[in-house]
Amino acid sequence: MGRFSKYAEFIPLPEVARVPALRAAFSERWVTHHGPPTSDVSDRDPRFCSDEWQSYCKDYLHSRLDMTSGHHPEANGLAEVMNQVLFQLLRPMISPDQQDSDLHLAREQLMYNMSVHSSTGFSPYRLHWGREPRQPLDDIIDKATPDLTPGTAEFARRYGLDVERARASLFKAQKAMIEQANRHRRPSPIRTGDYVWVASSELSREEDISPKLLPRYLGPWQVLDTVGTDPFGPSYVSGVPLHLRTYPVFHASKLLPFTPVDALPDRPPRWGPLIPGKGYDVVAIEDEWGTGPDRQYLVRFAFQPPSENRWFYRRDLIKTTKSVVLRYEAAQKGDLRRSPRLHP
């Protein structure tokens, strides 16, 4: 989708399409008709994060790959709004079993590109090609003024005026959007080194666990770095444990500042609820003792105070929390002064 003209191509692909299929479809439907883009905005789908796709953008297209922060679709709002419009166009057209949605994409693409966009004041088709598409009624209704011939000086002059008017409309729309958004925006109070709660919707879910019944926020975890320069909505690198298997960068809207218990002495500590049959996640290993097959590790659990730390045999932990054990042992290899204790 072109960011200026809003011109879109709807390409049907299976949900499990791999990178080679994406490359072929993008090259055939976009690159061959419109040329390689200067930059490509995408989310952090594993296929777009792969070396194969990044090499395709860098070495073949010579395009810059701009990726949004994890679980932050607002960063690519243009594509999100276009998807909503596409769903509205498809909903009354497809059959009840929804197996023929790909058959309607060509018609919906023409309908979308022929519609006047509210931000530019022009249809995406006209801004992209410099003219409106020919319609079936054009042969029936005698046009009062015939369209200009592409390549002529008059056609170039009119297209230049259209571009200037579209830029003015875009600037006006952006200004109105910023004013509307700033009415409720406040500078982010989060700083590097603070502890924050992370929205549970941003973390991977366990099997057979309803996300509707989970706590709204999990943590707290320390903020390791700040990404972006917008004081109202930067993203932050959080120290989320590796075993949660999630991208550690979260937008400010997905975080909640953590208030230490000392700041509210009359309020008891708040710990996350226990999920029946699942238990708490292992956050880190605090200590160790013994050697060989009898080695044990002192485990710290999420949402639990230090008094709830427990000793477990290494052979049992390696079966359930292998990533935590290997990360701890790799960290200990760099500290030769530390040796395992012989007794707890």
Protein backbone atom coordinates (compact mmCIF):
# COMPACT_ATOMS: atom_id res chain seq x y z
CA MET A 1 0.00 0.00 0.00
CA GLY A 2 1.40 3.38 -1.01
CA ARG A 3 1.68 5.77 1.93
CA PHE A 4 1.04 8.90 -0.16
CA SER A 5 -1.52 7.85 -2.74
CA LYS A 6 -3.12 5.17 -0.46
CA TYR A 7 -3.20 2.87 -3.50
CA ALA A 8 -3.54 -0.74 -2.36
CA GLU A 9 -3.04 -4.19 -3.86
CA PHE A 10 -5.03 -7.06 -2.30
CA ILE A 11 -3.07 -10.29 -2.73
CA PRO A 12 -4.70 -13.59 -1.63
CA LEU A 13 -2.31 -15.82 0.32
CA PRO A 14 -2.79 -18.77 2.68
CA GLU A 15 -2.25 -18.06 6.35
CA VAL A 16 0.69 -20.47 6.47
CA ALA A 17 2.45 -19.00 3.41
CA ARG A 18 6.23 -19.14 3.74
CA VAL A 19 8.78 -16.51 2.78
CA PRO A 20 9.37 -17.79 -0.79
CA ALA A 21 5.64 -17.49 -1.51
CA LEU A 22 5.57 -13.98 -0.04
CA ARG A 23 8.56 -12.93 -2.13
CA ALA A 24 7.02 -14.26 -5.33
CA ALA A 25 3.63 -12.64 -4.68
CA PHE A 26 5.11 -9.26 -3.72
CA SER A 27 7.44 -9.22 -6.72
CA GLU A 28 4.70 -10.23 -9.16
CA ARG A 29 1.89 -8.01 -7.88
CA TRP A 30 3.71 -4.90 -6.64
CA VAL A 31 7.32 -4.66 -7.80
CA THR A 32 6.64 -5.48 -11.45
CA HIS A 33 3.80 -2.94 -11.69
CA HIS A 34 4.91 -0.14 -9.36
CA GLY A 35 8.63 -0.65 -8.80
CA PRO A 36 10.49 -1.46 -5.55
CA PRO A 37 9.50 0.70 -2.57
CA THR A 38 11.94 3.03 -0.84
CA SER A 39 10.93 1.61 2.54
CA ASP A 40 8.68 -1.20 3.69
CA VAL A 41 6.73 -0.96 6.96
CA SER A 42 5.76 -4.28 8.56
CA ASP A 43 5.02 -5.84 11.90
CA ARG A 44 7.28 -8.35 13.60
CA ASP A 45 5.87 -11.47 12.04
CA PRO A 46 8.54 -14.22 12.16
CA ARG A 47 8.51 -14.32 8.36
CA PHE A 48 9.39 -10.62 8.11
CA CYS A 49 12.06 -11.00 10.82
CA SER A 50 13.74 -13.87 8.98
CA ASP A 51 17.12 -13.41 7.31
CA GLU A 52 15.61 -14.49 3.99
CA TRP A 53 13.05 -11.65 3.89
CA GLN A 54 15.50 -9.04 5.16
CA SER A 55 18.02 -10.10 2.53
CA TYR A 56 15.29 -9.84 -0.12
CA CYS A 57 14.49 -6.25 0.92
CA LYS A 58 18.11 -5.16 1.29
CA ASP A 59 19.91 -6.95 -1.54
CA TYR A 60 17.18 -7.38 -4.17
CA LEU A 61 14.83 -4.43 -3.65
CA HIS A 62 17.40 -2.09 -2.06
CA SER A 63 14.60 -1.01 0.30
CA ARG A 64 14.73 -0.11 3.97
CA LEU A 65 12.75 -2.42 6.23
CA ASP A 66 10.97 -0.43 8.96
CA MET A 67 9.50 -2.74 11.60
CA THR A 68 7.02 -1.67 14.26
CA SER A 69 7.50 -2.48 17.94
CA GLY A 70 6.02 -5.75 19.12
CA HIS A 71 2.24 -5.97 19.50
CA HIS A 72 1.75 -2.32 18.56
CA PRO A 73 -0.46 -2.21 15.44
CA GLU A 74 -1.05 1.52 15.95
CA ALA A 75 2.43 2.12 14.54
CA ASN A 76 1.11 1.04 11.12
CA GLY A 77 -2.35 2.55 11.40
CA LEU A 78 -2.69 3.03 7.64
CA ALA A 79 -2.64 -0.72 7.03
CA GLU A 80 -4.93 -1.40 9.99
CA VAL A 81 -7.58 1.02 8.72
CA MET A 82 -7.30 -0.44 5.22
CA ASN A 83 -7.88 -3.93 6.65
CA GLN A 84 -11.04 -2.72 8.39
CA VAL A 85 -12.33 -1.24 5.14
CA LEU A 86 -11.54 -4.46 3.29
CA PHE A 87 -13.46 -6.51 5.84
CA GLN A 88 -16.44 -4.21 5.44
CA LEU A 89 -16.33 -4.65 1.67
CA LEU A 90 -15.96 -8.42 1.84
CA ARG A 91 -18.53 -9.13 4.55
CA PRO A 92 -21.68 -8.75 2.38
CA MET A 93 -20.08 -10.44 -0.64
CA ILE A 94 -18.65 -13.73 0.58
CA SER A 95 -20.60 -16.94 1.10
CA PRO A 96 -21.52 -18.16 4.61
CA ASP A 97 -18.70 -20.71 4.66
CA GLN A 98 -16.19 -17.92 3.80
CA GLN A 99 -14.37 -20.12 1.31
CA ASP A 100 -14.62 -17.73 -1.64
CA SER A 101 -13.14 -14.54 -0.16
CA ASP A 102 -10.17 -14.65 -2.54
CA LEU A 103 -12.52 -14.57 -5.55
CA HIS A 104 -13.81 -11.12 -4.59
CA LEU A 105 -10.49 -9.40 -3.86
CA ALA A 106 -9.96 -8.04 -7.39
CA ARG A 107 -13.39 -6.34 -7.39
CA GLU A 108 -12.93 -4.99 -3.86
CA GLN A 109 -9.49 -3.66 -4.79
CA LEU A 110 -10.97 -1.63 -7.65
CA MET A 111 -13.79 -0.36 -5.43
CA TYR A 112 -11.34 0.71 -2.73
CA ASN A 113 -8.94 2.44 -5.11
CA MET A 114 -11.79 4.28 -6.87
CA SER A 115 -13.21 5.70 -3.62
CA VAL A 116 -12.19 9.19 -2.55
CA HIS A 117 -9.85 9.02 0.46
CA SER A 118 -10.72 11.36 3.30
CA SER A 119 -7.07 12.33 3.95
CA THR A 120 -6.09 13.30 0.40
CA GLY A 121 -9.40 14.35 -1.16
CA PHE A 122 -8.64 12.13 -4.19
CA SER A 123 -9.14 8.52 -5.04
CA PRO A 124 -6.00 6.36 -4.64
CA TYR A 125 -6.30 5.39 -8.31
CA ARG A 126 -6.09 8.99 -9.52
CA LEU A 127 -3.13 9.92 -7.32
CA HIS A 128 -1.27 6.77 -8.31
CA TRP A 129 -1.91 6.77 -12.07
CA GLY A 130 -2.78 10.42 -12.66
CA ARG A 131 -6.31 9.75 -13.92
CA GLU A 132 -9.55 8.08 -12.93
CA PRO A 133 -10.23 4.54 -14.21
CA ARG A 134 -12.60 3.91 -17.06
CA GLN A 135 -16.04 2.81 -15.84
CA PRO A 136 -18.77 0.82 -17.62
CA LEU A 137 -21.15 3.80 -17.75
CA ASP A 138 -18.59 5.88 -19.63
CA ASP A 139 -19.67 4.23 -22.89
CA ILE A 140 -23.34 4.96 -22.21
CA ILE A 141 -23.15 8.50 -20.80
CA ASP A 142 -21.55 11.06 -23.10
CA LYS A 143 -18.83 12.83 -21.14
CA ALA A 144 -18.92 16.60 -21.27
CA THR A 145 -15.12 16.87 -21.04
CA PRO A 146 -12.91 14.04 -22.33
CA ASP A 147 -10.01 12.94 -20.14
CA LEU A 148 -6.50 14.21 -20.85
CA THR A 149 -4.01 12.04 -22.69
CA PRO A 150 -1.19 10.71 -20.47
CA GLY A 151 2.24 12.05 -21.41
CA THR A 152 1.07 15.47 -22.52
CA ALA A 153 2.08 18.74 -20.87
CA GLU A 154 -1.47 19.43 -19.79
CA PHE A 155 -1.72 15.99 -18.17
CA ALA A 156 1.56 16.59 -16.26
CA ARG A 157 0.39 20.05 -15.14
CA ARG A 158 -2.92 18.70 -13.83
CA TYR A 159 -1.18 15.81 -12.05
CA GLY A 160 1.20 18.25 -10.38
CA LEU A 161 -1.73 20.30 -9.11
CA ASP A 162 -3.41 17.14 -7.81
CA VAL A 163 -0.27 16.19 -5.88
CA GLU A 164 0.01 19.64 -4.30
CA ARG A 165 -3.65 19.60 -3.28
CA ALA A 166 -3.27 16.09 -1.84
CA ARG A 167 -0.22 17.16 0.20
CA ALA A 168 -2.14 20.12 1.60
CA SER A 169 -5.05 17.84 2.52
CA LEU A 170 -2.70 15.33 4.17
CA PHE A 171 -1.06 18.07 6.20
CA LYS A 172 -4.46 19.33 7.32
CA ALA A 173 -5.62 15.83 8.26
CA GLN A 174 -2.41 15.11 10.18
CA LYS A 175 -2.71 18.37 12.09
CA ALA A 176 -6.31 17.60 13.06
CA MET A 177 -5.34 14.06 14.12
CA ILE A 178 -2.46 15.34 16.28
CA GLU A 179 -4.67 17.92 17.98
CA GLN A 180 -7.32 15.31 18.71
CA ALA A 181 -4.77 12.84 20.10
CA ASN A 182 -2.97 15.43 22.23
CA ARG A 183 -6.16 16.30 24.10
CA HIS A 184 -5.81 13.14 26.18
CA ARG A 185 -2.05 12.50 25.99
CA ARG A 186 0.33 12.92 28.88
CA PRO A 187 4.13 12.55 28.91
CA SER A 188 5.19 9.02 29.79
CA PRO A 189 6.36 8.81 33.43
CA ILE A 190 8.45 5.68 32.78
CA ARG A 191 12.23 6.00 32.81
CA THR A 192 15.10 3.58 32.28
CA GLY A 193 15.68 1.62 35.48
CA ASP A 194 12.06 1.79 36.64
CA TYR A 195 9.96 -1.30 37.21
CA VAL A 196 6.78 -1.72 35.20
CA TRP A 197 3.84 -4.05 34.81
CA VAL A 198 3.36 -5.47 31.30
CA ALA A 199 -0.09 -6.04 29.81
CA SER A 200 -0.79 -9.77 29.83
CA SER A 201 -2.21 -9.51 26.31
CA GLU A 202 1.35 -8.85 25.08
CA LEU A 203 2.76 -12.11 26.48
CA SER A 204 2.43 -15.64 25.15
CA ARG A 205 -0.42 -17.59 26.71
CA GLU A 206 -0.28 -21.04 28.21
CA GLU A 207 -2.39 -23.83 26.79
CA ASP A 208 -5.93 -24.23 28.14
CA ILE A 209 -5.71 -20.84 29.91
CA SER A 210 -8.43 -18.32 29.15
CA PRO A 211 -6.92 -14.87 28.48
CA LYS A 212 -10.12 -13.25 29.78
CA LEU A 213 -9.45 -14.56 33.29
CA LEU A 214 -5.78 -13.66 33.47
CA PRO A 215 -4.57 -10.60 35.43
CA ARG A 216 -4.51 -7.54 33.21
CA TYR A 217 -0.82 -6.92 33.96
CA LEU A 218 2.09 -9.21 34.83
CA GLY A 219 5.49 -8.45 36.30
CA PRO A 220 6.98 -6.24 37.51
CA TRP A 221 10.10 -6.16 35.37
CA GLN A 222 12.81 -3.55 35.04
CA VAL A 223 13.02 -1.17 32.09
CA LEU A 224 16.42 -1.71 30.45
CA ASP A 225 16.34 0.89 27.66
CA THR A 226 14.16 3.42 25.85
CA VAL A 227 13.40 3.10 22.12
CA GLY A 228 12.18 6.16 20.23
CA THR A 229 12.20 9.86 20.96
CA ASP A 230 8.50 10.64 21.30
CA PRO A 231 8.07 11.76 24.95
CA PHE A 232 4.36 10.87 24.86
CA GLY A 233 4.63 7.36 23.50
CA PRO A 234 8.09 5.78 23.28
CA SER A 235 8.73 2.06 23.50
CA TYR A 236 10.75 0.40 26.23
CA VAL A 237 12.98 -2.66 26.47
CA SER A 238 11.76 -4.64 29.46
CA GLY A 239 13.58 -7.40 31.32
CA VAL A 240 10.92 -9.99 30.54
CA PRO A 241 12.20 -13.53 31.30
CA LEU A 242 13.36 -15.41 28.23
CA HIS A 243 11.14 -18.41 28.89
CA LEU A 244 8.05 -16.28 28.15
CA ARG A 245 9.14 -16.29 24.48
CA THR A 246 8.07 -12.75 23.59
CA TYR A 247 9.72 -9.72 22.02
CA PRO A 248 10.93 -7.60 24.97
CA VAL A 249 10.09 -4.17 23.46
CA PHE A 250 6.70 -2.77 24.50
CA HIS A 251 4.98 0.51 23.75
CA ALA A 252 4.29 2.85 26.66
CA SER A 253 0.55 2.21 26.28
CA LYS A 254 1.13 -1.46 27.18
CA LEU A 255 3.01 -0.70 30.40
CA LEU A 256 1.93 0.41 33.87
CA PRO A 257 4.40 1.97 36.33
CA PHE A 258 5.15 -0.20 39.35
CA THR A 259 4.61 1.38 42.77
CA PRO A 260 6.84 -0.17 45.48
CA VAL A 261 5.17 -1.33 48.68
CA ASP A 262 7.27 1.16 50.67
CA ALA A 263 5.45 4.03 48.95
CA LEU A 264 2.15 2.72 50.37
CA PRO A 265 3.03 1.22 53.79
CA ASP A 266 -0.56 0.43 54.71
CA ARG A 267 -1.20 -1.63 51.58
CA PRO A 268 -0.26 -5.34 51.71
CA PRO A 269 1.91 -6.78 48.90
CA ARG A 270 -0.01 -7.84 45.82
CA TRP A 271 0.94 -11.11 44.18
CA GLY A 272 -0.52 -12.66 41.09
CA PRO A 273 -3.17 -15.36 41.47
CA LEU A 274 -2.21 -19.01 41.26
CA ILE A 275 -3.50 -20.80 38.14
CA PRO A 276 -4.77 -24.28 39.10
CA GLY A 277 -2.79 -27.08 37.54
CA LYS A 278 -0.16 -24.77 36.07
CA GLY A 279 1.67 -23.17 39.00
CA TYR A 280 3.88 -20.10 38.80
CA ASP A 281 6.49 -19.46 36.15
CA VAL A 282 10.13 -19.82 37.14
CA VAL A 283 11.69 -16.37 36.93
CA ALA A 284 15.31 -17.02 37.91
CA ILE A 285 17.72 -19.23 39.84
CA GLU A 286 19.01 -17.56 42.99
CA ASP A 287 21.53 -20.10 44.36
CA GLU A 288 22.90 -23.62 44.00
CA TRP A 289 24.49 -26.36 46.03
CA GLY A 290 25.93 -29.80 45.47
CA THR A 291 27.66 -31.27 42.43
CA GLY A 292 27.00 -33.91 39.81
CA PRO A 293 23.57 -35.56 39.66
CA ASP A 294 22.67 -34.27 43.14
CA ARG A 295 23.07 -30.58 42.22
CA GLN A 296 20.12 -28.46 43.33
CA TYR A 297 19.03 -24.93 42.42
CA LEU A 298 17.13 -22.39 44.50
CA VAL A 299 14.25 -21.22 42.29
CA ARG A 300 12.44 -17.87 42.42
CA PHE A 301 8.85 -17.85 41.13
CA ALA A 302 6.89 -15.07 39.45
CA PHE A 303 4.56 -13.06 41.72
CA GLN A 304 6.00 -14.73 44.84
CA PRO A 305 8.04 -13.18 47.69
CA PRO A 306 11.57 -14.47 48.43
CA SER A 307 10.19 -16.55 51.29
CA GLU A 308 8.55 -18.81 48.69
CA ASN A 309 11.84 -19.73 46.96
CA ARG A 310 12.29 -23.51 46.75
CA TRP A 311 15.11 -25.99 46.08
CA PHE A 312 14.80 -28.38 43.11
CA TYR A 313 17.10 -30.95 41.58
CA ARG A 314 18.72 -29.83 38.33
CA ARG A 315 17.55 -32.99 36.55
CA ASP A 316 13.94 -32.00 37.25
CA LEU A 317 14.31 -28.35 36.27
CA ILE A 318 16.00 -29.16 32.97
CA LYS A 319 12.80 -30.93 31.87
CA THR A 320 10.44 -28.02 32.59
CA THR A 321 12.47 -24.78 32.52
CA LYS A 322 15.47 -25.66 30.37
CA SER A 323 16.01 -22.10 29.12
CA VAL A 324 16.23 -20.71 32.67
CA VAL A 325 18.74 -23.38 33.74
CA LEU A 326 20.97 -22.96 30.69
CA ARG A 327 20.93 -19.17 31.01
CA TYR A 328 21.94 -19.39 34.66
CA GLU A 329 24.74 -21.90 34.01
CA ALA A 330 26.06 -19.81 31.10
CA ALA A 331 26.22 -16.77 33.38
CA GLN A 332 28.08 -18.73 36.07
CA LYS A 333 30.79 -19.88 33.67
CA GLY A 334 32.09 -16.34 33.45
CA ASP A 335 32.55 -16.05 37.24
CA LEU A 336 35.43 -18.33 38.30
CA ARG A 337 35.37 -17.04 41.86
CA ARG A 338 31.96 -18.60 42.48
CA SER A 339 31.72 -22.32 43.20
CA PRO A 340 28.72 -24.42 44.20
CA ARG A 341 28.20 -24.95 47.91
CA LEU A 342 28.32 -28.44 49.35
CA HIS A 343 25.46 -27.86 51.79
CA PRO A 344 22.34 -25.69 51.69
